[in-house]
């Protein structure tokens, strides 16, 4: 089969047809592996919606649509972003250029916040999805560079549900780069690059916040954890959490930590130079549960596992990429400037 044939098959896969045939075509194509992986990544980027928990029909929502159906506006200042992010009703908000903010901007329901080109940036502060009185449900954040936040770069909190965070670049925050907590639910975090930071992804507010039990269903897929130290993610109470086809490279402290009886499936990931890929329990937090399946460990330690976990397939269908191909696929596709916004 030619490279053209392989790309055609992958495009068909993203259109939702001929999935088995497309996967088989890519596996059988007698072309250079790097070219196939790059074509695969490019084809995937054209997908119009999330894979994983943000796609699930639940809590009165049919998946995650963000600001679809609302007006499209372009913002270039913190004041403009704060205004439209806090308005009632759906909006598609296009972020153009670099916007400096002082603190967290609250994003309320039915918003798409999309970076223009490859230069959209929010620096100095971040986005908080929802407040105690105004929910941050049905929100999409894509193609934005987040730098030097004074707190979290993005905080999904206060029972926000149906959130898709996709193709962003996160670095240099003061606290977490992307935290999901306080009974939030049905979230997908996909195709992001995380770098130059320590505390990357927190899932679950604290060891004592038991209201998170039965919530915090999150899919993390095709993210690039590029030299970040820890929390990829660190999980409390949530089940199931699906950690799928991510690329871990040079993570000094650990990859994934499951604590406080959380249930985490770690599947099809590539760990490279990670001494502790998976922990069961961490620091003062009690043990969680972990199933690891089909991962690849290169110059890395042995993952800890424990007990059983609810299968994500009980909620949604998905395909697992070969973990040996994950570095090429993810480095080609993750981050900003890859999806033509």
C-alpha atoms as a PDB file:
ATOM      1  CA  UNK A   1       0.000   0.000   0.000  1.00  0.00           C
ATOM      2  CA  UNK A   2       1.205   3.538  -0.748  1.00  0.00           C
ATOM      3  CA  UNK A   3       1.516   6.369   1.760  1.00  0.00           C
ATOM      4  CA  UNK A   4      -1.418   8.040   0.005  1.00  0.00           C
ATOM      5  CA  UNK A   5      -3.505   4.982   0.649  1.00  0.00           C
ATOM      6  CA  UNK A   6      -2.531   4.991   4.316  1.00  0.00           C
ATOM      7  CA  UNK A   7      -3.485   8.649   4.735  1.00  0.00           C
ATOM      8  CA  UNK A   8      -6.808   8.064   2.957  1.00  0.00           C
ATOM      9  CA  UNK A   9      -7.580   5.243   5.327  1.00  0.00           C
ATOM     10  CA  UNK A  10      -6.765   7.395   8.344  1.00  0.00           C
ATOM     11  CA  UNK A  11      -9.002  10.198   7.121  1.00  0.00           C
ATOM     12  CA  UNK A  12     -11.788   7.650   6.789  1.00  0.00           C
ATOM     13  CA  UNK A  13     -11.087   6.604  10.374  1.00  0.00           C
ATOM     14  CA  UNK A  14     -11.538  10.180  11.599  1.00  0.00           C
ATOM     15  CA  UNK A  15     -14.745  10.484   9.639  1.00  0.00           C
ATOM     16  CA  UNK A  16     -16.055   7.572  11.687  1.00  0.00           C
ATOM     17  CA  UNK A  17     -16.075   4.913   8.961  1.00  0.00           C
ATOM     18  CA  UNK A  18     -14.021   1.811   8.204  1.00  0.00           C
ATOM     19  CA  UNK A  19     -12.151   1.937  11.505  1.00  0.00           C
ATOM     20  CA  UNK A  20     -10.788  -1.611  11.422  1.00  0.00           C
ATOM     21  CA  UNK A  21      -9.773  -1.317   7.768  1.00  0.00           C
ATOM     22  CA  UNK A  22      -8.056   2.013   8.331  1.00  0.00           C
ATOM     23  CA  UNK A  23      -6.034   0.713  11.254  1.00  0.00           C
ATOM     24  CA  UNK A  24      -5.046  -2.370   9.278  1.00  0.00           C
ATOM     25  CA  UNK A  25      -4.051  -0.271   6.282  1.00  0.00           C
ATOM     26  CA  UNK A  26      -1.690   1.827   8.371  1.00  0.00           C
ATOM     27  CA  UNK A  27      -0.115  -1.244   9.953  1.00  0.00           C
ATOM     28  CA  UNK A  28       0.474  -2.885   6.565  1.00  0.00           C
ATOM     29  CA  UNK A  29       1.713   0.126   4.593  1.00  0.00           C
ATOM     30  CA  UNK A  30       5.347  -0.545   3.525  1.00  0.00           C
ATOM     31  CA  UNK A  31       6.557   3.026   4.011  1.00  0.00           C
ATOM     32  CA  UNK A  32       8.875   4.742   6.461  1.00  0.00           C
ATOM     33  CA  UNK A  33       7.428   4.577   9.975  1.00  0.00           C
ATOM     34  CA  UNK A  34       8.009   8.257  10.721  1.00  0.00           C
ATOM     35  CA  UNK A  35       6.026   9.312   7.654  1.00  0.00           C
ATOM     36  CA  UNK A  36       3.118   7.086   8.617  1.00  0.00           C
ATOM     37  CA  UNK A  37       3.088   8.369  12.198  1.00  0.00           C
ATOM     38  CA  UNK A  38       3.103  12.003  11.040  1.00  0.00           C
ATOM     39  CA  UNK A  39       0.292  11.300   8.588  1.00  0.00           C
ATOM     40  CA  UNK A  40      -1.641   9.569  11.361  1.00  0.00           C
ATOM     41  CA  UNK A  41      -1.264  12.545  13.666  1.00  0.00           C
ATOM     42  CA  UNK A  42      -2.265  14.993  10.938  1.00  0.00           C
ATOM     43  CA  UNK A  43      -5.380  13.009  10.112  1.00  0.00           C
ATOM     44  CA  UNK A  44      -6.449  12.816  13.755  1.00  0.00           C
ATOM     45  CA  UNK A  45      -6.215  16.575  14.182  1.00  0.00           C
ATOM     46  CA  UNK A  46      -9.127  17.121  11.832  1.00  0.00           C
ATOM     47  CA  UNK A  47     -11.550  15.502  14.273  1.00  0.00           C
ATOM     48  CA  UNK A  48     -14.387  17.850  15.194  1.00  0.00           C
ATOM     49  CA  UNK A  49     -15.100  16.578  18.682  1.00  0.00           C
ATOM     50  CA  UNK A  50     -13.539  14.985  21.721  1.00  0.00           C
ATOM     51  CA  UNK A  51     -12.738  11.355  22.370  1.00  0.00           C
ATOM     52  CA  UNK A  52     -13.368  10.054  25.863  1.00  0.00           C
ATOM     53  CA  UNK A  53     -15.435  11.329  28.733  1.00  0.00           C
ATOM     54  CA  UNK A  54     -16.205  14.751  27.228  1.00  0.00           C
ATOM     55  CA  UNK A  55     -18.035  12.908  24.439  1.00  0.00           C
ATOM     56  CA  UNK A  56     -20.377  11.007  26.773  1.00  0.00           C
ATOM     57  CA  UNK A  57     -24.077  11.859  26.874  1.00  0.00           C
ATOM     58  CA  UNK A  58     -24.784  12.471  30.565  1.00  0.00           C
ATOM     59  CA  UNK A  59     -26.072  14.994  33.085  1.00  0.00           C
ATOM     60  CA  UNK A  60     -28.509  16.400  30.547  1.00  0.00           C
ATOM     61  CA  UNK A  61     -25.881  17.025  27.870  1.00  0.00           C
ATOM     62  CA  UNK A  62     -25.239  15.373  24.509  1.00  0.00           C
ATOM     63  CA  UNK A  63     -21.459  15.492  24.647  1.00  0.00           C
ATOM     64  CA  UNK A  64     -19.450  18.721  24.659  1.00  0.00           C
ATOM     65  CA  UNK A  65     -20.197  21.417  22.094  1.00  0.00           C
ATOM     66  CA  UNK A  66     -18.925  24.597  23.759  1.00  0.00           C
ATOM     67  CA  UNK A  67     -20.132  27.799  22.141  1.00  0.00           C
ATOM     68  CA  UNK A  68     -21.534  26.155  19.012  1.00  0.00           C
ATOM     69  CA  UNK A  69     -24.524  28.075  17.714  1.00  0.00           C
ATOM     70  CA  UNK A  70     -23.514  31.322  19.406  1.00  0.00           C
ATOM     71  CA  UNK A  71     -21.820  34.441  18.025  1.00  0.00           C
ATOM     72  CA  UNK A  72     -18.125  34.366  17.132  1.00  0.00           C
ATOM     73  CA  UNK A  73     -16.028  37.180  18.614  1.00  0.00           C
ATOM     74  CA  UNK A  74     -12.300  37.930  18.622  1.00  0.00           C
ATOM     75  CA  UNK A  75     -10.584  39.264  21.744  1.00  0.00           C
ATOM     76  CA  UNK A  76      -7.150  40.849  22.093  1.00  0.00           C
ATOM     77  CA  UNK A  77      -7.292  42.130  25.697  1.00  0.00           C
ATOM     78  CA  UNK A  78      -7.906  40.711  29.167  1.00  0.00           C
ATOM     79  CA  UNK A  79     -10.969  42.912  29.510  1.00  0.00           C
ATOM     80  CA  UNK A  80     -12.488  41.548  26.320  1.00  0.00           C
ATOM     81  CA  UNK A  81     -11.762  37.945  27.290  1.00  0.00           C
ATOM     82  CA  UNK A  82     -13.241  38.431  30.758  1.00  0.00           C
ATOM     83  CA  UNK A  83     -16.348  40.073  29.315  1.00  0.00           C
ATOM     84  CA  UNK A  84     -17.253  37.374  26.814  1.00  0.00           C
ATOM     85  CA  UNK A  85     -16.151  34.438  28.983  1.00  0.00           C
ATOM     86  CA  UNK A  86     -18.566  35.606  31.677  1.00  0.00           C
ATOM     87  CA  UNK A  87     -21.568  36.312  29.470  1.00  0.00           C
ATOM     88  CA  UNK A  88     -24.703  34.212  29.559  1.00  0.00           C
ATOM     89  CA  UNK A  89     -25.283  31.918  26.586  1.00  0.00           C
ATOM     90  CA  UNK A  90     -23.027  30.358  23.956  1.00  0.00           C
ATOM     91  CA  UNK A  91     -20.049  32.212  22.493  1.00  0.00           C
ATOM     92  CA  UNK A  92     -17.143  31.188  20.293  1.00  0.00           C
ATOM     93  CA  UNK A  93     -14.303  33.364  21.599  1.00  0.00           C
ATOM     94  CA  UNK A  94     -11.196  33.629  19.410  1.00  0.00           C
ATOM     95  CA  UNK A  95      -8.060  34.702  21.255  1.00  0.00           C
ATOM     96  CA  UNK A  96      -5.690  36.675  19.045  1.00  0.00           C
ATOM     97  CA  UNK A  97      -2.114  37.369  20.133  1.00  0.00           C
ATOM     98  CA  UNK A  98      -0.755  37.599  23.665  1.00  0.00           C
ATOM     99  CA  UNK A  99      -3.112  38.527  26.484  1.00  0.00           C
ATOM    100  CA  UNK A 100      -1.732  39.346  29.927  1.00  0.00           C
ATOM    101  CA  UNK A 101      -4.110  38.757  32.839  1.00  0.00           C
ATOM    102  CA  UNK A 102      -3.626  39.449  36.547  1.00  0.00           C
ATOM    103  CA  UNK A 103      -5.570  36.556  38.071  1.00  0.00           C
ATOM    104  CA  UNK A 104      -8.097  33.872  37.113  1.00  0.00           C
ATOM    105  CA  UNK A 105     -10.783  34.721  34.569  1.00  0.00           C
ATOM    106  CA  UNK A 106     -14.056  32.911  35.228  1.00  0.00           C
ATOM    107  CA  UNK A 107     -15.496  31.018  32.251  1.00  0.00           C
ATOM    108  CA  UNK A 108     -19.188  30.152  32.458  1.00  0.00           C
ATOM    109  CA  UNK A 109     -21.267  27.639  30.528  1.00  0.00           C
ATOM    110  CA  UNK A 110     -21.368  27.142  26.764  1.00  0.00           C
ATOM    111  CA  UNK A 111     -18.104  28.716  25.660  1.00  0.00           C
ATOM    112  CA  UNK A 112     -15.434  27.802  23.125  1.00  0.00           C
ATOM    113  CA  UNK A 113     -12.152  29.628  23.726  1.00  0.00           C
ATOM    114  CA  UNK A 114      -9.948  29.094  20.675  1.00  0.00           C
ATOM    115  CA  UNK A 115      -6.515  30.451  19.888  1.00  0.00           C
ATOM    116  CA  UNK A 116      -5.950  32.028  16.468  1.00  0.00           C
ATOM    117  CA  UNK A 117      -3.005  30.587  14.551  1.00  0.00           C
ATOM    118  CA  UNK A 118       0.049  29.581  16.570  1.00  0.00           C
ATOM    119  CA  UNK A 119       0.617  32.753  18.616  1.00  0.00           C
ATOM    120  CA  UNK A 120      -2.410  32.955  20.941  1.00  0.00           C
ATOM    121  CA  UNK A 121      -1.231  33.140  24.541  1.00  0.00           C
ATOM    122  CA  UNK A 122      -2.662  33.777  28.000  1.00  0.00           C
ATOM    123  CA  UNK A 123       0.064  34.765  30.447  1.00  0.00           C
ATOM    124  CA  UNK A 124       0.255  35.926  34.064  1.00  0.00           C
ATOM    125  CA  UNK A 125      -3.037  34.326  35.063  1.00  0.00           C
ATOM    126  CA  UNK A 126      -5.409  31.625  33.902  1.00  0.00           C
ATOM    127  CA  UNK A 127      -8.946  30.402  33.320  1.00  0.00           C
ATOM    128  CA  UNK A 128     -11.286  29.071  35.985  1.00  0.00           C
ATOM    129  CA  UNK A 129     -14.217  27.089  34.707  1.00  0.00           C
ATOM    130  CA  UNK A 130     -17.188  27.963  36.854  1.00  0.00           C
ATOM    131  CA  UNK A 131     -17.795  29.659  40.185  1.00  0.00           C
ATOM    132  CA  UNK A 132     -19.898  28.557  43.140  1.00  0.00           C
ATOM    133  CA  UNK A 133     -22.921  30.311  41.631  1.00  0.00           C
ATOM    134  CA  UNK A 134     -22.292  30.127  37.856  1.00  0.00           C
ATOM    135  CA  UNK A 135     -21.411  26.725  36.389  1.00  0.00           C
ATOM    136  CA  UNK A 136     -18.614  26.225  33.863  1.00  0.00           C
ATOM    137  CA  UNK A 137     -20.299  23.377  32.003  1.00  0.00           C
ATOM    138  CA  UNK A 138     -19.875  22.641  28.290  1.00  0.00           C
ATOM    139  CA  UNK A 139     -16.608  24.499  27.735  1.00  0.00           C
ATOM    140  CA  UNK A 140     -13.945  23.931  25.069  1.00  0.00           C
ATOM    141  CA  UNK A 141     -10.405  25.362  25.282  1.00  0.00           C
ATOM    142  CA  UNK A 142      -8.110  24.777  22.288  1.00  0.00           C
ATOM    143  CA  UNK A 143      -4.919  26.001  20.661  1.00  0.00           C
ATOM    144  CA  UNK A 144      -3.723  28.416  23.371  1.00  0.00           C
ATOM    145  CA  UNK A 145      -0.325  28.783  25.005  1.00  0.00           C
ATOM    146  CA  UNK A 146      -0.560  29.242  28.803  1.00  0.00           C
ATOM    147  CA  UNK A 147       2.521  30.693  30.536  1.00  0.00           C
ATOM    148  CA  UNK A 148       3.603  32.004  33.952  1.00  0.00           C
ATOM    149  CA  UNK A 149       0.203  31.833  35.659  1.00  0.00           C
ATOM    150  CA  UNK A 150       0.056  33.319  39.151  1.00  0.00           C
ATOM    151  CA  UNK A 151      -2.019  30.311  40.279  1.00  0.00           C
ATOM    152  CA  UNK A 152      -3.356  27.507  38.049  1.00  0.00           C
ATOM    153  CA  UNK A 153      -3.200  27.929  34.293  1.00  0.00           C
ATOM    154  CA  UNK A 154      -6.592  26.220  33.971  1.00  0.00           C
ATOM    155  CA  UNK A 155      -8.820  25.152  36.860  1.00  0.00           C
ATOM    156  CA  UNK A 156     -11.881  22.983  36.210  1.00  0.00           C
ATOM    157  CA  UNK A 157     -13.859  23.258  39.420  1.00  0.00           C
ATOM    158  CA  UNK A 158     -17.177  23.768  41.200  1.00  0.00           C
ATOM    159  CA  UNK A 159     -19.033  20.847  39.559  1.00  0.00           C
ATOM    160  CA  UNK A 160     -18.141  21.839  35.998  1.00  0.00           C
ATOM    161  CA  UNK A 161     -18.942  19.044  33.566  1.00  0.00           C
ATOM    162  CA  UNK A 162     -18.420  18.324  29.883  1.00  0.00           C
ATOM    163  CA  UNK A 163     -15.127  20.081  29.292  1.00  0.00           C
ATOM    164  CA  UNK A 164     -12.660  19.526  26.443  1.00  0.00           C
ATOM    165  CA  UNK A 165      -9.104  20.893  26.772  1.00  0.00           C
ATOM    166  CA  UNK A 166      -7.248  20.178  23.558  1.00  0.00           C
ATOM    167  CA  UNK A 167      -4.075  21.144  21.659  1.00  0.00           C
ATOM    168  CA  UNK A 168      -2.744  23.670  24.138  1.00  0.00           C
ATOM    169  CA  UNK A 169       0.761  24.353  25.475  1.00  0.00           C
ATOM    170  CA  UNK A 170       1.248  24.713  29.251  1.00  0.00           C
ATOM    171  CA  UNK A 171       4.375  25.871  31.089  1.00  0.00           C
ATOM    172  CA  UNK A 172       5.683  27.836  34.031  1.00  0.00           C
ATOM    173  CA  UNK A 173       2.628  28.195  36.255  1.00  0.00           C
ATOM    174  CA  UNK A 174       2.866  29.006  39.968  1.00  0.00           C
ATOM    175  CA  UNK A 175       0.718  26.076  41.125  1.00  0.00           C
ATOM    176  CA  UNK A 176      -0.858  23.439  38.879  1.00  0.00           C
ATOM    177  CA  UNK A 177      -0.868  23.686  35.121  1.00  0.00           C
ATOM    178  CA  UNK A 178      -4.269  22.019  34.806  1.00  0.00           C
ATOM    179  CA  UNK A 179      -6.266  21.024  37.904  1.00  0.00           C
ATOM    180  CA  UNK A 180      -9.653  19.277  37.884  1.00  0.00           C
ATOM    181  CA  UNK A 181     -11.454  19.148  41.212  1.00  0.00           C
ATOM    182  CA  UNK A 182     -14.524  19.813  43.361  1.00  0.00           C
ATOM    183  CA  UNK A 183     -16.984  17.363  41.787  1.00  0.00           C
ATOM    184  CA  UNK A 184     -16.204  18.204  38.171  1.00  0.00           C
ATOM    185  CA  UNK A 185     -16.985  15.421  35.705  1.00  0.00           C
ATOM    186  CA  UNK A 186     -16.891  14.193  32.090  1.00  0.00           C
ATOM    187  CA  UNK A 187     -13.677  15.873  30.960  1.00  0.00           C
ATOM    188  CA  UNK A 188     -11.230  15.115  28.147  1.00  0.00           C
ATOM    189  CA  UNK A 189      -7.655  16.445  28.160  1.00  0.00           C
ATOM    190  CA  UNK A 190      -6.062  15.695  24.780  1.00  0.00           C
ATOM    191  CA  UNK A 191      -3.089  16.567  22.563  1.00  0.00           C
ATOM    192  CA  UNK A 192      -1.550  19.100  24.969  1.00  0.00           C
ATOM    193  CA  UNK A 193       2.144  19.701  25.644  1.00  0.00           C
ATOM    194  CA  UNK A 194       3.253  20.263  29.249  1.00  0.00           C
ATOM    195  CA  UNK A 195       6.806  21.423  29.987  1.00  0.00           C
ATOM    196  CA  UNK A 196       9.049  23.504  32.299  1.00  0.00           C
ATOM    197  CA  UNK A 197       6.959  22.838  35.386  1.00  0.00           C
ATOM    198  CA  UNK A 198       6.676  20.483  38.364  1.00  0.00           C
ATOM    199  CA  UNK A 199       3.036  20.034  39.486  1.00  0.00           C
ATOM    200  CA  UNK A 200       1.354  19.258  36.201  1.00  0.00           C
ATOM    201  CA  UNK A 201      -2.129  17.717  36.540  1.00  0.00           C
ATOM    202  CA  UNK A 202      -4.089  17.366  39.774  1.00  0.00           C
ATOM    203  CA  UNK A 203      -7.321  15.363  39.770  1.00  0.00           C
ATOM    204  CA  UNK A 204      -9.192  15.639  43.057  1.00  0.00           C
ATOM    205  CA  UNK A 205      -9.168  18.523  45.529  1.00  0.00           C
ATOM    206  CA  UNK A 206      -7.698  16.949  48.679  1.00  0.00           C
ATOM    207  CA  UNK A 207      -7.523  13.753  50.734  1.00  0.00           C
ATOM    208  CA  UNK A 208     -10.493  14.916  52.814  1.00  0.00           C
ATOM    209  CA  UNK A 209     -12.785  16.163  50.011  1.00  0.00           C
ATOM    210  CA  UNK A 210     -14.851  12.972  49.718  1.00  0.00           C
ATOM    211  CA  UNK A 211     -17.596  14.728  47.714  1.00  0.00           C
ATOM    212  CA  UNK A 212     -15.405  13.910  44.696  1.00  0.00           C
ATOM    213  CA  UNK A 213     -16.299  10.208  45.029  1.00  0.00           C
ATOM    214  CA  UNK A 214     -18.364   9.176  42.001  1.00  0.00           C
ATOM    215  CA  UNK A 215     -17.204  12.216  40.013  1.00  0.00           C
ATOM    216  CA  UNK A 216     -13.996  13.283  38.218  1.00  0.00           C
ATOM    217  CA  UNK A 217     -14.352  10.950  35.238  1.00  0.00           C
ATOM    218  CA  UNK A 218     -11.542  12.150  32.974  1.00  0.00           C
ATOM    219  CA  UNK A 219      -9.753  10.928  29.844  1.00  0.00           C
ATOM    220  CA  UNK A 220      -6.147  12.010  29.292  1.00  0.00           C
ATOM    221  CA  UNK A 221      -4.973  11.033  25.820  1.00  0.00           C
ATOM    222  CA  UNK A 222      -2.117  11.888  23.435  1.00  0.00           C
ATOM    223  CA  UNK A 223      -0.545  14.445  25.744  1.00  0.00           C
ATOM    224  CA  UNK A 224       3.194  15.143  25.828  1.00  0.00           C
ATOM    225  CA  UNK A 225       4.659  15.312  29.342  1.00  0.00           C
ATOM    226  CA  UNK A 226       7.965  16.803  28.295  1.00  0.00           C
ATOM    227  CA  UNK A 227      10.283  16.913  31.294  1.00  0.00           C
ATOM    228  CA  UNK A 228       7.620  17.874  33.821  1.00  0.00           C
ATOM    229  CA  UNK A 229       8.341  16.427  37.266  1.00  0.00           C
ATOM    230  CA  UNK A 230       5.101  14.925  38.613  1.00  0.00           C
ATOM    231  CA  UNK A 231       1.283  14.655  38.599  1.00  0.00           C
ATOM    232  CA  UNK A 232       0.550  13.241  35.170  1.00  0.00           C
ATOM    233  CA  UNK A 233      -2.014  13.020  36.781  1.00  0.00           C
ATOM    234  CA  UNK A 234      -2.129  12.661  40.566  1.00  0.00           C
ATOM    235  CA  UNK A 235      -5.587  11.239  41.259  1.00  0.00           C
ATOM    236  CA  UNK A 236      -7.837  11.116  44.320  1.00  0.00           C
ATOM    237  CA  UNK A 237     -11.191   9.296  44.561  1.00  0.00           C
ATOM    238  CA  UNK A 238     -12.012   9.361  40.815  1.00  0.00           C
ATOM    239  CA  UNK A 239     -13.087   6.299  38.803  1.00  0.00           C
ATOM    240  CA  UNK A 240     -12.599   5.514  36.053  1.00  0.00           C
ATOM    241  CA  UNK A 241      -9.735   7.719  34.966  1.00  0.00           C
ATOM    242  CA  UNK A 242      -8.339   6.780  31.552  1.00  0.00           C
ATOM    243  CA  UNK A 243      -4.679   7.587  30.848  1.00  0.00           C
ATOM    244  CA  UNK A 244      -4.297   6.628  27.191  1.00  0.00           C
ATOM    245  CA  UNK A 245      -1.499   6.924  24.608  1.00  0.00           C
ATOM    246  CA  UNK A 246       0.436   9.702  26.335  1.00  0.00           C
ATOM    247  CA  UNK A 247       4.161  10.298  25.899  1.00  0.00           C
ATOM    248  CA  UNK A 248       6.126  10.572  29.144  1.00  0.00           C
ATOM    249  CA  UNK A 249       9.726  11.753  28.790  1.00  0.00           C
ATOM    250  CA  UNK A 250      12.273  12.603  31.515  1.00  0.00           C
ATOM    251  CA  UNK A 251       9.746  12.954  34.348  1.00  0.00           C
ATOM    252  CA  UNK A 252      11.935  13.255  37.439  1.00  0.00           C
ATOM    253  CA  UNK A 253       9.576  12.287  40.280  1.00  0.00           C
ATOM    254  CA  UNK A 254       6.887  10.072  38.758  1.00  0.00           C
ATOM    255  CA  UNK A 255       4.367   9.575  35.998  1.00  0.00           C
ATOM    256  CA  UNK A 256       0.916   8.662  37.363  1.00  0.00           C
ATOM    257  CA  UNK A 257      -0.183   8.422  41.018  1.00  0.00           C
ATOM    258  CA  UNK A 258      -3.473   6.807  42.053  1.00  0.00           C
ATOM    259  CA  UNK A 259      -4.460   7.580  45.641  1.00  0.00           C
ATOM    260  CA  UNK A 260      -7.442   7.513  48.000  1.00  0.00           C
ATOM    261  CA  UNK A 261      -9.131   4.539  46.289  1.00  0.00           C
ATOM    262  CA  UNK A 262      -9.164   6.148  42.855  1.00  0.00           C
ATOM    263  CA  UNK A 263      -9.467   3.771  39.902  1.00  0.00           C
ATOM    264  CA  UNK A 264      -7.043   4.502  37.037  1.00  0.00           C
ATOM    265  CA  UNK A 265      -6.466   2.613  33.792  1.00  0.00           C
ATOM    266  CA  UNK A 266      -3.004   3.377  32.378  1.00  0.00           C
ATOM    267  CA  UNK A 267      -3.095   2.116  28.792  1.00  0.00           C
ATOM    268  CA  UNK A 268      -0.922   2.280  25.690  1.00  0.00           C
ATOM    269  CA  UNK A 269       1.446   4.956  26.997  1.00  0.00           C
ATOM    270  CA  UNK A 270       5.160   5.368  26.283  1.00  0.00           C
ATOM    271  CA  UNK A 271       7.400   6.012  29.301  1.00  0.00           C
ATOM    272  CA  UNK A 272      10.963   7.091  28.573  1.00  0.00           C
ATOM    273  CA  UNK A 273      13.498   7.817  31.321  1.00  0.00           C
ATOM    274  CA  UNK A 274      10.836   7.706  34.038  1.00  0.00           C
ATOM    275  CA  UNK A 275      12.134   5.960  37.166  1.00  0.00           C
ATOM    276  CA  UNK A 276       8.668   5.651  38.724  1.00  0.00           C
ATOM    277  CA  UNK A 277       6.035   5.382  35.976  1.00  0.00           C
ATOM    278  CA  UNK A 278       3.084   4.576  38.248  1.00  0.00           C
ATOM    279  CA  UNK A 279       2.567   4.859  41.994  1.00  0.00           C
ATOM    280  CA  UNK A 280      -0.192   3.281  44.102  1.00  0.00           C
ATOM    281  CA  UNK A 281      -0.516   5.842  46.886  1.00  0.00           C
ATOM    282  CA  UNK A 282       1.796   8.821  47.205  1.00  0.00           C
ATOM    283  CA  UNK A 283       3.177  10.973  49.999  1.00  0.00           C
ATOM    284  CA  UNK A 284       0.510  11.106  52.765  1.00  0.00           C
ATOM    285  CA  UNK A 285      -2.328  10.002  50.466  1.00  0.00           C
ATOM    286  CA  UNK A 286      -3.620   6.460  50.843  1.00  0.00           C
ATOM    287  CA  UNK A 287      -3.438   3.895  48.037  1.00  0.00           C
ATOM    288  CA  UNK A 288      -5.613   3.905  44.971  1.00  0.00           C
ATOM    289  CA  UNK A 289      -6.168   1.222  42.340  1.00  0.00           C
ATOM    290  CA  UNK A 290      -4.336   0.933  39.023  1.00  0.00           C
ATOM    291  CA  UNK A 291      -4.576  -1.390  36.050  1.00  0.00           C
ATOM    292  CA  UNK A 292      -1.743  -0.990  33.542  1.00  0.00           C
ATOM    293  CA  UNK A 293      -2.191  -2.442  30.070  1.00  0.00           C
ATOM    294  CA  UNK A 294      -0.078  -2.413  26.942  1.00  0.00           C
ATOM    295  CA  UNK A 295       2.376   0.314  27.950  1.00  0.00           C
ATOM    296  CA  UNK A 296       5.987   0.621  26.852  1.00  0.00           C
ATOM    297  CA  UNK A 297       8.797   1.337  29.328  1.00  0.00           C
ATOM    298  CA  UNK A 298      12.141   2.538  27.964  1.00  0.00           C
ATOM    299  CA  UNK A 299      14.909   3.063  30.531  1.00  0.00           C
ATOM    300  CA  UNK A 300      12.121   3.308  33.090  1.00  0.00           C
ATOM    301  CA  UNK A 301      11.115   1.570  36.308  1.00  0.00           C
ATOM    302  CA  UNK A 302       8.414  -0.974  37.021  1.00  0.00           C
ATOM    303  CA  UNK A 303       4.869   0.377  37.470  1.00  0.00           C
ATOM    304  CA  UNK A 304       2.953  -0.333  40.643  1.00  0.00           C
ATOM    305  CA  UNK A 305      -0.515  -1.842  40.155  1.00  0.00           C
ATOM    306  CA  UNK A 306      -3.373  -2.837  42.440  1.00  0.00           C
ATOM    307  CA  UNK A 307      -6.823  -4.425  42.203  1.00  0.00           C
ATOM    308  CA  UNK A 308      -9.330  -3.695  39.418  1.00  0.00           C
ATOM    309  CA  UNK A 309     -10.765  -0.592  37.754  1.00  0.00           C
ATOM    310  CA  UNK A 310     -14.037   0.132  35.945  1.00  0.00           C
ATOM    311  CA  UNK A 311     -13.460  -0.147  32.203  1.00  0.00           C
ATOM    312  CA  UNK A 312     -13.747   3.133  30.251  1.00  0.00           C
ATOM    313  CA  UNK A 313     -15.361   1.131  27.433  1.00  0.00           C
ATOM    314  CA  UNK A 314     -18.494   0.978  29.569  1.00  0.00           C
ATOM    315  CA  UNK A 315     -18.808   4.697  28.752  1.00  0.00           C
ATOM    316  CA  UNK A 316     -17.277   5.158  25.265  1.00  0.00           C
ATOM    317  CA  UNK A 317     -15.531   3.398  22.400  1.00  0.00           C
ATOM    318  CA  UNK A 318     -11.889   4.069  21.603  1.00  0.00           C
ATOM    319  CA  UNK A 319      -8.869   2.742  19.711  1.00  0.00           C
ATOM    320  CA  UNK A 320      -5.428   2.266  21.274  1.00  0.00           C
ATOM    321  CA  UNK A 321      -2.371   3.321  19.281  1.00  0.00           C
ATOM    322  CA  UNK A 322       0.735   1.141  19.429  1.00  0.00           C
ATOM    323  CA  UNK A 323       2.768   2.568  22.347  1.00  0.00           C
ATOM    324  CA  UNK A 324       5.926   2.177  20.260  1.00  0.00           C
ATOM    325  CA  UNK A 325       4.460   4.720  17.822  1.00  0.00           C
ATOM    326  CA  UNK A 326       3.317   7.145  20.513  1.00  0.00           C
ATOM    327  CA  UNK A 327       6.461   9.347  20.643  1.00  0.00           C
ATOM    328  CA  UNK A 328       6.283  10.086  16.907  1.00  0.00           C
ATOM    329  CA  UNK A 329       2.510  10.526  16.872  1.00  0.00           C
ATOM    330  CA  UNK A 330       2.375  12.770  19.922  1.00  0.00           C
ATOM    331  CA  UNK A 331       5.381  14.970  19.120  1.00  0.00           C
ATOM    332  CA  UNK A 332       3.970  15.526  15.640  1.00  0.00           C
ATOM    333  CA  UNK A 333       0.480  16.363  16.840  1.00  0.00           C
ATOM    334  CA  UNK A 334       0.444  17.779  20.363  1.00  0.00           C
ATOM    335  CA  UNK A 335       0.487  21.472  21.182  1.00  0.00           C
ATOM    336  CA  UNK A 336      -0.531  24.675  19.425  1.00  0.00           C
ATOM    337  CA  UNK A 337      -0.589  25.506  15.736  1.00  0.00           C
ATOM    338  CA  UNK A 338      -1.641  22.016  14.670  1.00  0.00           C
ATOM    339  CA  UNK A 339      -5.388  22.281  14.053  1.00  0.00           C
ATOM    340  CA  UNK A 340      -5.871  25.221  11.697  1.00  0.00           C
ATOM    341  CA  UNK A 341      -7.827  27.557  13.955  1.00  0.00           C
END
